[in-house]
PDB file of all heavy atoms in Angstrom:
ATOM      1  N   ALA A   1       0.509   2.535   6.194  1.00  0.00           N
ATOM      2  CA  ALA A   1      -0.948   2.360   6.103  1.00  0.00           C
ATOM      3  C   ALA A   1      -1.682   3.579   6.654  1.00  0.00           C
ATOM      4  O   ALA A   1      -2.683   4.019   6.071  1.00  0.00           O
ATOM      5  CB  ALA A   1      -1.366   1.094   6.850  1.00  0.00           C
ATOM      6  N   ASP A   2      -1.189   4.127   7.759  1.00  0.00           N
ATOM      7  CA  ASP A   2      -1.840   5.306   8.345  1.00  0.00           C
ATOM      8  C   ASP A   2      -1.780   6.507   7.397  1.00  0.00           C
ATOM      9  O   ASP A   2      -2.775   7.212   7.227  1.00  0.00           O
ATOM     10  CB  ASP A   2      -1.213   5.661   9.692  1.00  0.00           C
ATOM     11  CG  ASP A   2      -1.577   4.676  10.798  1.00  0.00           C
ATOM     12  OD1 ASP A   2      -2.491   3.845  10.580  1.00  0.00           O
ATOM     13  OD2 ASP A   2      -0.945   4.738  11.871  1.00  0.00           O
ATOM     14  N   PHE A   3      -0.619   6.737   6.784  1.00  0.00           N
ATOM     15  CA  PHE A   3      -0.505   7.832   5.817  1.00  0.00           C
ATOM     16  C   PHE A   3      -1.453   7.600   4.638  1.00  0.00           C
ATOM     17  O   PHE A   3      -2.116   8.518   4.169  1.00  0.00           O
ATOM     18  CB  PHE A   3       0.931   7.975   5.310  1.00  0.00           C
ATOM     19  CG  PHE A   3       1.800   8.860   6.155  1.00  0.00           C
ATOM     20  CD1 PHE A   3       2.691   8.318   7.076  1.00  0.00           C
ATOM     21  CD2 PHE A   3       1.745  10.238   6.033  1.00  0.00           C
ATOM     22  CE1 PHE A   3       3.507   9.129   7.860  1.00  0.00           C
ATOM     23  CE2 PHE A   3       2.557  11.067   6.815  1.00  0.00           C
ATOM     24  CZ  PHE A   3       3.433  10.518   7.726  1.00  0.00           C
ATOM     25  N   ARG A   4      -1.502   6.366   4.154  1.00  0.00           N
ATOM     26  CA  ARG A   4      -2.377   6.035   3.022  1.00  0.00           C
ATOM     27  C   ARG A   4      -3.835   6.295   3.361  1.00  0.00           C
ATOM     28  O   ARG A   4      -4.580   6.914   2.583  1.00  0.00           O
ATOM     29  CB  ARG A   4      -2.177   4.565   2.621  1.00  0.00           C
ATOM     30  CG  ARG A   4      -3.102   4.122   1.492  1.00  0.00           C
ATOM     31  CD  ARG A   4      -2.898   2.666   1.122  1.00  0.00           C
ATOM     32  NE  ARG A   4      -3.143   1.736   2.204  1.00  0.00           N
ATOM     33  CZ  ARG A   4      -4.345   1.390   2.664  1.00  0.00           C
ATOM     34  NH1 ARG A   4      -5.440   1.924   2.159  1.00  0.00           N
ATOM     35  NH2 ARG A   4      -4.463   0.513   3.651  1.00  0.00           N
ATOM     36  N   LYS A   5      -4.252   5.853   4.544  1.00  0.00           N
ATOM     37  CA  LYS A   5      -5.650   6.032   4.963  1.00  0.00           C
ATOM     38  C   LYS A   5      -5.991   7.507   5.150  1.00  0.00           C
ATOM     39  O   LYS A   5      -7.089   7.937   4.801  1.00  0.00           O
ATOM     40  CB  LYS A   5      -5.924   5.240   6.235  1.00  0.00           C
ATOM     41  CG  LYS A   5      -5.915   3.731   5.995  1.00  0.00           C
ATOM     42  CD  LYS A   5      -5.960   2.955   7.296  1.00  0.00           C
ATOM     43  CE  LYS A   5      -5.780   1.464   7.054  1.00  0.00           C
ATOM     44  NZ  LYS A   5      -5.619   0.715   8.304  1.00  0.00           N
ATOM     45  N   LYS A   6      -5.047   8.289   5.701  1.00  0.00           N
ATOM     46  CA  LYS A   6      -5.272   9.729   5.868  1.00  0.00           C
ATOM     47  C   LYS A   6      -5.484  10.408   4.524  1.00  0.00           C
ATOM     48  O   LYS A   6      -6.234  11.376   4.420  1.00  0.00           O
ATOM     49  CB  LYS A   6      -4.095  10.389   6.589  1.00  0.00           C
ATOM     50  CG  LYS A   6      -4.080  10.168   8.073  1.00  0.00           C
ATOM     51  CD  LYS A   6      -2.883  10.868   8.707  1.00  0.00           C
ATOM     52  CE  LYS A   6      -2.608  10.302  10.086  1.00  0.00           C
ATOM     53  NZ  LYS A   6      -1.286  10.663  10.596  1.00  0.00           N
ATOM     54  N   LYS A   7      -4.818   9.892   3.503  1.00  0.00           N
ATOM     55  CA  LYS A   7      -4.963  10.443   2.152  1.00  0.00           C
ATOM     56  C   LYS A   7      -6.229   9.921   1.465  1.00  0.00           C
ATOM     57  O   LYS A   7      -6.593  10.406   0.393  1.00  0.00           O
ATOM     58  CB  LYS A   7      -3.748  10.082   1.289  1.00  0.00           C
ATOM     59  CG  LYS A   7      -2.484  10.826   1.656  1.00  0.00           C
ATOM     60  CD  LYS A   7      -2.539  12.237   1.112  1.00  0.00           C
ATOM     61  CE  LYS A   7      -1.216  12.947   1.309  1.00  0.00           C
ATOM     62  NZ  LYS A   7      -1.186  14.226   0.603  1.00  0.00           N
ATOM     63  N   GLY A   8      -6.864   8.920   2.065  1.00  0.00           N
ATOM     64  CA  GLY A   8      -8.078   8.357   1.477  1.00  0.00           C
ATOM     65  C   GLY A   8      -7.814   7.556   0.214  1.00  0.00           C
ATOM     66  O   GLY A   8      -8.636   7.541  -0.706  1.00  0.00           O
ATOM     67  N   ILE A   9      -6.664   6.885   0.180  1.00  0.00           N
ATOM     68  CA  ILE A   9      -6.262   6.114  -1.002  1.00  0.00           C
ATOM     69  C   ILE A   9      -6.329   4.624  -0.673  1.00  0.00           C
ATOM     70  O   ILE A   9      -5.869   4.202   0.388  1.00  0.00           O
ATOM     71  CB  ILE A   9      -4.822   6.480  -1.421  1.00  0.00           C
ATOM     72  CG1 ILE A   9      -4.688   7.985  -1.679  1.00  0.00           C
ATOM     73  CG2 ILE A   9      -4.389   5.696  -2.652  1.00  0.00           C
ATOM     74  CD1 ILE A   9      -3.252   8.444  -1.892  1.00  0.00           C
ATOM     75  N   SER A  10      -6.874   3.836  -1.576  1.00  0.00           N
ATOM     76  CA  SER A  10      -6.908   2.386  -1.376  1.00  0.00           C
ATOM     77  C   SER A  10      -5.537   1.782  -1.680  1.00  0.00           C
ATOM     78  O   SER A  10      -4.699   2.409  -2.341  1.00  0.00           O
ATOM     79  CB  SER A  10      -7.951   1.743  -2.295  1.00  0.00           C
ATOM     80  OG  SER A  10      -7.531   1.827  -3.652  1.00  0.00           O
ATOM     81  N   GLN A  11      -5.320   0.570  -1.203  1.00  0.00           N
ATOM     82  CA  GLN A  11      -4.070  -0.126  -1.512  1.00  0.00           C
ATOM     83  C   GLN A  11      -3.930  -0.303  -3.017  1.00  0.00           C
ATOM     84  O   GLN A  11      -2.840  -0.166  -3.567  1.00  0.00           O
ATOM     85  CB  GLN A  11      -4.036  -1.501  -0.840  1.00  0.00           C
ATOM     86  CG  GLN A  11      -3.702  -1.481   0.615  1.00  0.00           C
ATOM     87  CD  GLN A  11      -3.568  -2.885   1.191  1.00  0.00           C
ATOM     88  OE1 GLN A  11      -4.021  -3.865   0.605  1.00  0.00           O
ATOM     89  NE2 GLN A  11      -2.951  -2.973   2.355  1.00  0.00           N
ATOM     90  N   GLU A  12      -5.034  -0.597  -3.668  1.00  0.00           N
ATOM     91  CA  GLU A  12      -5.011  -0.817  -5.113  1.00  0.00           C
ATOM     92  C   GLU A  12      -4.544   0.431  -5.861  1.00  0.00           C
ATOM     93  O   GLU A  12      -3.683   0.366  -6.742  1.00  0.00           O
ATOM     94  CB  GLU A  12      -6.398  -1.224  -5.603  1.00  0.00           C
ATOM     95  CG  GLU A  12      -6.431  -1.568  -7.056  1.00  0.00           C
ATOM     96  CD  GLU A  12      -7.023  -2.928  -7.329  1.00  0.00           C
ATOM     97  OE1 GLU A  12      -7.380  -3.653  -6.387  1.00  0.00           O
ATOM     98  OE2 GLU A  12      -7.125  -3.257  -8.498  1.00  0.00           O
ATOM     99  N   VAL A  13      -5.098   1.574  -5.487  1.00  0.00           N
ATOM    100  CA  VAL A  13      -4.729   2.830  -6.148  1.00  0.00           C
ATOM    101  C   VAL A  13      -3.276   3.184  -5.836  1.00  0.00           C
ATOM    102  O   VAL A  13      -2.502   3.524  -6.740  1.00  0.00           O
ATOM    103  CB  VAL A  13      -5.683   3.978  -5.737  1.00  0.00           C
ATOM    104  CG1 VAL A  13      -5.159   5.324  -6.205  1.00  0.00           C
ATOM    105  CG2 VAL A  13      -7.083   3.731  -6.290  1.00  0.00           C
ATOM    106  N   LEU A  14      -2.891   3.090  -4.563  1.00  0.00           N
ATOM    107  CA  LEU A  14      -1.523   3.442  -4.181  1.00  0.00           C
ATOM    108  C   LEU A  14      -0.508   2.539  -4.874  1.00  0.00           C
ATOM    109  O   LEU A  14       0.506   3.024  -5.391  1.00  0.00           O
ATOM    110  CB  LEU A  14      -1.335   3.379  -2.662  1.00  0.00           C
ATOM    111  CG  LEU A  14       0.070   3.705  -2.161  1.00  0.00           C
ATOM    112  CD1 LEU A  14       0.525   5.084  -2.626  1.00  0.00           C
ATOM    113  CD2 LEU A  14       0.137   3.594  -0.647  1.00  0.00           C
ATOM    114  N   SER A  15      -0.772   1.259  -4.904  1.00  0.00           N
ATOM    115  CA  SER A  15       0.185   0.350  -5.545  1.00  0.00           C
ATOM    116  C   SER A  15       0.314   0.670  -7.034  1.00  0.00           C
ATOM    117  O   SER A  15       1.410   0.595  -7.592  1.00  0.00           O
ATOM    118  CB  SER A  15      -0.211  -1.106  -5.320  1.00  0.00           C
ATOM    119  OG  SER A  15      -1.454  -1.399  -5.938  1.00  0.00           O
ATOM    120  N   GLY A  16      -0.783   1.051  -7.677  1.00  0.00           N
ATOM    121  CA  GLY A  16      -0.726   1.439  -9.085  1.00  0.00           C
ATOM    122  C   GLY A  16       0.077   2.710  -9.287  1.00  0.00           C
ATOM    123  O   GLY A  16       0.928   2.787 -10.179  1.00  0.00           O
ATOM    124  N   LEU A  17      -0.168   3.709  -8.445  1.00  0.00           N
ATOM    125  CA  LEU A  17       0.561   4.979  -8.549  1.00  0.00           C
ATOM    126  C   LEU A  17       2.050   4.795  -8.263  1.00  0.00           C
ATOM    127  O   LEU A  17       2.893   5.472  -8.854  1.00  0.00           O
ATOM    128  CB  LEU A  17      -0.031   6.016  -7.584  1.00  0.00           C
ATOM    129  CG  LEU A  17      -1.435   6.525  -7.898  1.00  0.00           C
ATOM    130  CD1 LEU A  17      -1.960   7.377  -6.736  1.00  0.00           C
ATOM    131  CD2 LEU A  17      -1.451   7.325  -9.198  1.00  0.00           C
ATOM    132  N   ALA A  18       2.366   3.894  -7.331  1.00  0.00           N
ATOM    133  CA  ALA A  18       3.765   3.655  -6.947  1.00  0.00           C
ATOM    134  C   ALA A  18       4.442   2.618  -7.838  1.00  0.00           C
ATOM    135  O   ALA A  18       5.643   2.377  -7.700  1.00  0.00           O
ATOM    136  CB  ALA A  18       3.829   3.212  -5.483  1.00  0.00           C
ATOM    137  N   ASP A  19       3.668   1.989  -8.721  1.00  0.00           N
ATOM    138  CA  ASP A  19       4.176   0.951  -9.620  1.00  0.00           C
ATOM    139  C   ASP A  19       4.800  -0.217  -8.859  1.00  0.00           C
ATOM    140  O   ASP A  19       5.904  -0.665  -9.142  1.00  0.00           O
ATOM    141  CB  ASP A  19       5.171   1.538 -10.628  1.00  0.00           C
ATOM    142  CG  ASP A  19       5.436   0.597 -11.791  1.00  0.00           C
ATOM    143  OD1 ASP A  19       4.524  -0.186 -12.138  1.00  0.00           O
ATOM    144  OD2 ASP A  19       6.556   0.619 -12.344  1.00  0.00           O
ATOM    145  N   ILE A  20       4.073  -0.655  -7.825  1.00  0.00           N
ATOM    146  CA  ILE A  20       4.447  -1.878  -7.107  1.00  0.00           C
ATOM    147  C   ILE A  20       3.201  -2.761  -7.040  1.00  0.00           C
ATOM    148  O   ILE A  20       2.080  -2.269  -7.185  1.00  0.00           O
ATOM    149  CB  ILE A  20       4.992  -1.592  -5.679  1.00  0.00           C
ATOM    150  CG1 ILE A  20       3.943  -0.898  -4.817  1.00  0.00           C
ATOM    151  CG2 ILE A  20       6.272  -0.781  -5.738  1.00  0.00           C
ATOM    152  CD1 ILE A  20       4.348  -0.725  -3.367  1.00  0.00           C
ATOM    153  N   GLY A  21       3.379  -4.038  -6.817  1.00  0.00           N
ATOM    154  CA  GLY A  21       2.236  -4.941  -6.738  1.00  0.00           C
ATOM    155  C   GLY A  21       1.388  -4.676  -5.497  1.00  0.00           C
ATOM    156  O   GLY A  21       1.926  -4.329  -4.438  1.00  0.00           O
ATOM    157  N   ARG A  22       0.074  -4.844  -5.640  1.00  0.00           N
ATOM    158  CA  ARG A  22      -0.809  -4.634  -4.491  1.00  0.00           C
ATOM    159  C   ARG A  22      -0.500  -5.633  -3.389  1.00  0.00           C
ATOM    160  O   ARG A  22      -0.522  -5.294  -2.210  1.00  0.00           O
ATOM    161  CB  ARG A  22      -2.292  -4.724  -4.895  1.00  0.00           C
ATOM    162  CG  ARG A  22      -3.191  -4.164  -3.790  1.00  0.00           C
ATOM    163  CD  ARG A  22      -4.612  -4.687  -3.828  1.00  0.00           C
ATOM    164  NE  ARG A  22      -4.710  -6.127  -3.690  1.00  0.00           N
ATOM    165  CZ  ARG A  22      -4.570  -6.805  -2.551  1.00  0.00           C
ATOM    166  NH1 ARG A  22      -4.297  -6.177  -1.422  1.00  0.00           N
ATOM    167  NH2 ARG A  22      -4.676  -8.111  -2.534  1.00  0.00           N
ATOM    168  N   THR A  23      -0.200  -6.868  -3.747  1.00  0.00           N
ATOM    169  CA  THR A  23       0.118  -7.863  -2.715  1.00  0.00           C
ATOM    170  C   THR A  23       1.418  -7.501  -2.001  1.00  0.00           C
ATOM    171  O   THR A  23       1.567  -7.762  -0.813  1.00  0.00           O
ATOM    172  CB  THR A  23       0.215  -9.285  -3.302  1.00  0.00           C
ATOM    173  OG1 THR A  23       1.144  -9.294  -4.380  1.00  0.00           O
ATOM    174  CG2 THR A  23      -1.136  -9.772  -3.793  1.00  0.00           C
ATOM    175  N   HIS A  24       2.354  -6.893  -2.730  1.00  0.00           N
ATOM    176  CA  HIS A  24       3.612  -6.440  -2.115  1.00  0.00           C
ATOM    177  C   HIS A  24       3.324  -5.312  -1.117  1.00  0.00           C
ATOM    178  O   HIS A  24       3.823  -5.337   0.012  1.00  0.00           O
ATOM    179  CB  HIS A  24       4.580  -5.967  -3.205  1.00  0.00           C
ATOM    180  CG  HIS A  24       5.914  -5.540  -2.705  1.00  0.00           C
ATOM    181  ND1 HIS A  24       6.918  -6.433  -2.400  1.00  0.00           N
ATOM    182  CD2 HIS A  24       6.409  -4.317  -2.433  1.00  0.00           C
ATOM    183  CE1 HIS A  24       7.979  -5.763  -1.971  1.00  0.00           C
ATOM    184  NE2 HIS A  24       7.695  -4.477  -1.973  1.00  0.00           N
ATOM    185  N   LEU A  25       2.506  -4.343  -1.525  1.00  0.00           N
ATOM    186  CA  LEU A  25       2.132  -3.249  -0.622  1.00  0.00           C
ATOM    187  C   LEU A  25       1.401  -3.788   0.603  1.00  0.00           C
ATOM    188  O   LEU A  25       1.666  -3.373   1.731  1.00  0.00           O
ATOM    189  CB  LEU A  25       1.259  -2.221  -1.350  1.00  0.00           C
ATOM    190  CG  LEU A  25       0.741  -1.065  -0.491  1.00  0.00           C
ATOM    191  CD1 LEU A  25       1.887  -0.257   0.097  1.00  0.00           C
ATOM    192  CD2 LEU A  25      -0.197  -0.183  -1.290  1.00  0.00           C
ATOM    193  N   SER A  26       0.509  -4.724   0.380  1.00  0.00           N
ATOM    194  CA  SER A  26      -0.241  -5.322   1.485  1.00  0.00           C
ATOM    195  C   SER A  26       0.707  -6.007   2.474  1.00  0.00           C
ATOM    196  O   SER A  26       0.564  -5.870   3.692  1.00  0.00           O
ATOM    197  CB  SER A  26      -1.253  -6.326   0.938  1.00  0.00           C
ATOM    198  OG  SER A  26      -1.958  -6.941   1.983  1.00  0.00           O
ATOM    199  N   ALA A  27       1.694  -6.727   1.958  1.00  0.00           N
ATOM    200  CA  ALA A  27       2.666  -7.409   2.823  1.00  0.00           C
ATOM    201  C   ALA A  27       3.500  -6.393   3.610  1.00  0.00           C
ATOM    202  O   ALA A  27       3.804  -6.614   4.785  1.00  0.00           O
ATOM    203  CB  ALA A  27       3.576  -8.309   1.986  1.00  0.00           C
ATOM    204  N   ILE A  28       3.832  -5.269   2.990  1.00  0.00           N
ATOM    205  CA  ILE A  28       4.571  -4.212   3.684  1.00  0.00           C
ATOM    206  C   ILE A  28       3.716  -3.647   4.809  1.00  0.00           C
ATOM    207  O   ILE A  28       4.179  -3.510   5.947  1.00  0.00           O
ATOM    208  CB  ILE A  28       4.992  -3.095   2.701  1.00  0.00           C
ATOM    209  CG1 ILE A  28       6.078  -3.593   1.747  1.00  0.00           C
ATOM    210  CG2 ILE A  28       5.472  -1.853   3.460  1.00  0.00           C
ATOM    211  CD1 ILE A  28       6.371  -2.657   0.580  1.00  0.00           C
ATOM    212  N   GLU A  29       2.456  -3.341   4.511  1.00  0.00           N
ATOM    213  CA  GLU A  29       1.575  -2.752   5.522  1.00  0.00           C
ATOM    214  C   GLU A  29       1.296  -3.713   6.679  1.00  0.00           C
ATOM    215  O   GLU A  29       1.081  -3.274   7.804  1.00  0.00           O
ATOM    216  CB  GLU A  29       0.271  -2.282   4.881  1.00  0.00           C
ATOM    217  CG  GLU A  29       0.445  -1.042   4.024  1.00  0.00           C
ATOM    218  CD  GLU A  29      -0.866  -0.428   3.585  1.00  0.00           C
ATOM    219  OE1 GLU A  29      -1.951  -0.966   3.916  1.00  0.00           O
ATOM    220  OE2 GLU A  29      -0.820   0.612   2.911  1.00  0.00           O
ATOM    221  N   ARG A  30       1.314  -4.998   6.426  1.00  0.00           N
ATOM    222  CA  ARG A  30       1.108  -5.993   7.493  1.00  0.00           C
ATOM    223  C   ARG A  30       2.391  -6.280   8.267  1.00  0.00           C
ATOM    224  O   ARG A  30       2.384  -7.034   9.239  1.00  0.00           O
ATOM    225  CB  ARG A  30       0.562  -7.296   6.903  1.00  0.00           C
ATOM    226  CG  ARG A  30      -0.867  -7.223   6.432  1.00  0.00           C
ATOM    227  CD  ARG A  30      -1.451  -8.616   6.145  1.00  0.00           C
ATOM    228  NE  ARG A  30      -0.580  -9.455   5.331  1.00  0.00           N
ATOM    229  CZ  ARG A  30      -0.578  -9.503   3.998  1.00  0.00           C
ATOM    230  NH1 ARG A  30      -1.393  -8.750   3.300  1.00  0.00           N
ATOM    231  NH2 ARG A  30       0.244 -10.307   3.358  1.00  0.00           N
ATOM    232  N   GLY A  31       3.507  -5.716   7.815  1.00  0.00           N
ATOM    233  CA  GLY A  31       4.771  -5.940   8.498  1.00  0.00           C
ATOM    234  C   GLY A  31       5.456  -7.230   8.117  1.00  0.00           C
ATOM    235  O   GLY A  31       6.401  -7.657   8.782  1.00  0.00           O
ATOM    236  N   GLU A  32       5.012  -7.858   7.042  1.00  0.00           N
ATOM    237  CA  GLU A  32       5.614  -9.111   6.595  1.00  0.00           C
ATOM    238  C   GLU A  32       6.845  -8.868   5.731  1.00  0.00           C
ATOM    239  O   GLU A  32       7.672  -9.755   5.567  1.00  0.00           O
ATOM    240  CB  GLU A  32       4.597  -9.947   5.815  1.00  0.00           C
ATOM    241  CG  GLU A  32       3.450 -10.411   6.686  1.00  0.00           C
ATOM    242  CD  GLU A  32       2.331 -11.060   5.886  1.00  0.00           C
ATOM    243  OE1 GLU A  32       2.454 -11.202   4.653  1.00  0.00           O
ATOM    244  OE2 GLU A  32       1.318 -11.417   6.518  1.00  0.00           O
ATOM    245  N   ARG A  33       6.940  -7.681   5.147  1.00  0.00           N
ATOM    246  CA  ARG A  33       8.090  -7.310   4.324  1.00  0.00           C
ATOM    247  C   ARG A  33       8.492  -5.889   4.661  1.00  0.00           C
ATOM    248  O   ARG A  33       7.662  -5.078   5.028  1.00  0.00           O
ATOM    249  CB  ARG A  33       7.739  -7.383   2.834  1.00  0.00           C
ATOM    250  CG  ARG A  33       7.337  -8.776   2.397  1.00  0.00           C
ATOM    251  CD  ARG A  33       7.135  -8.835   0.925  1.00  0.00           C
ATOM    252  NE  ARG A  33       8.440  -8.768   0.255  1.00  0.00           N
ATOM    253  CZ  ARG A  33       8.602  -8.958  -1.044  1.00  0.00           C
ATOM    254  NH1 ARG A  33       7.572  -9.186  -1.813  1.00  0.00           N
ATOM    255  NH2 ARG A  33       9.798  -8.901  -1.584  1.00  0.00           N
ATOM    256  N   LYS A  34       9.782  -5.606   4.512  1.00  0.00           N
ATOM    257  CA  LYS A  34      10.286  -4.243   4.694  1.00  0.00           C
ATOM    258  C   LYS A  34      10.513  -3.643   3.309  1.00  0.00           C
ATOM    259  O   LYS A  34      11.102  -4.295   2.446  1.00  0.00           O
ATOM    260  CB  LYS A  34      11.601  -4.241   5.470  1.00  0.00           C
ATOM    261  CG  LYS A  34      11.465  -4.632   6.917  1.00  0.00           C
ATOM    262  CD  LYS A  34      12.824  -4.597   7.595  1.00  0.00           C
ATOM    263  CE  LYS A  34      12.751  -5.179   8.980  1.00  0.00           C
ATOM    264  NZ  LYS A  34      14.078  -5.297   9.590  1.00  0.00           N
TER     265      LYS A  34
END
């Protein structure tokens, strides 16, 4: 999350660029998933 914020990228944009679900990225950033 810190790297993402430093880049000024939203979760929505990052998840699209990385081709993963936004909810999956959100769960990773919250520490619910590795």
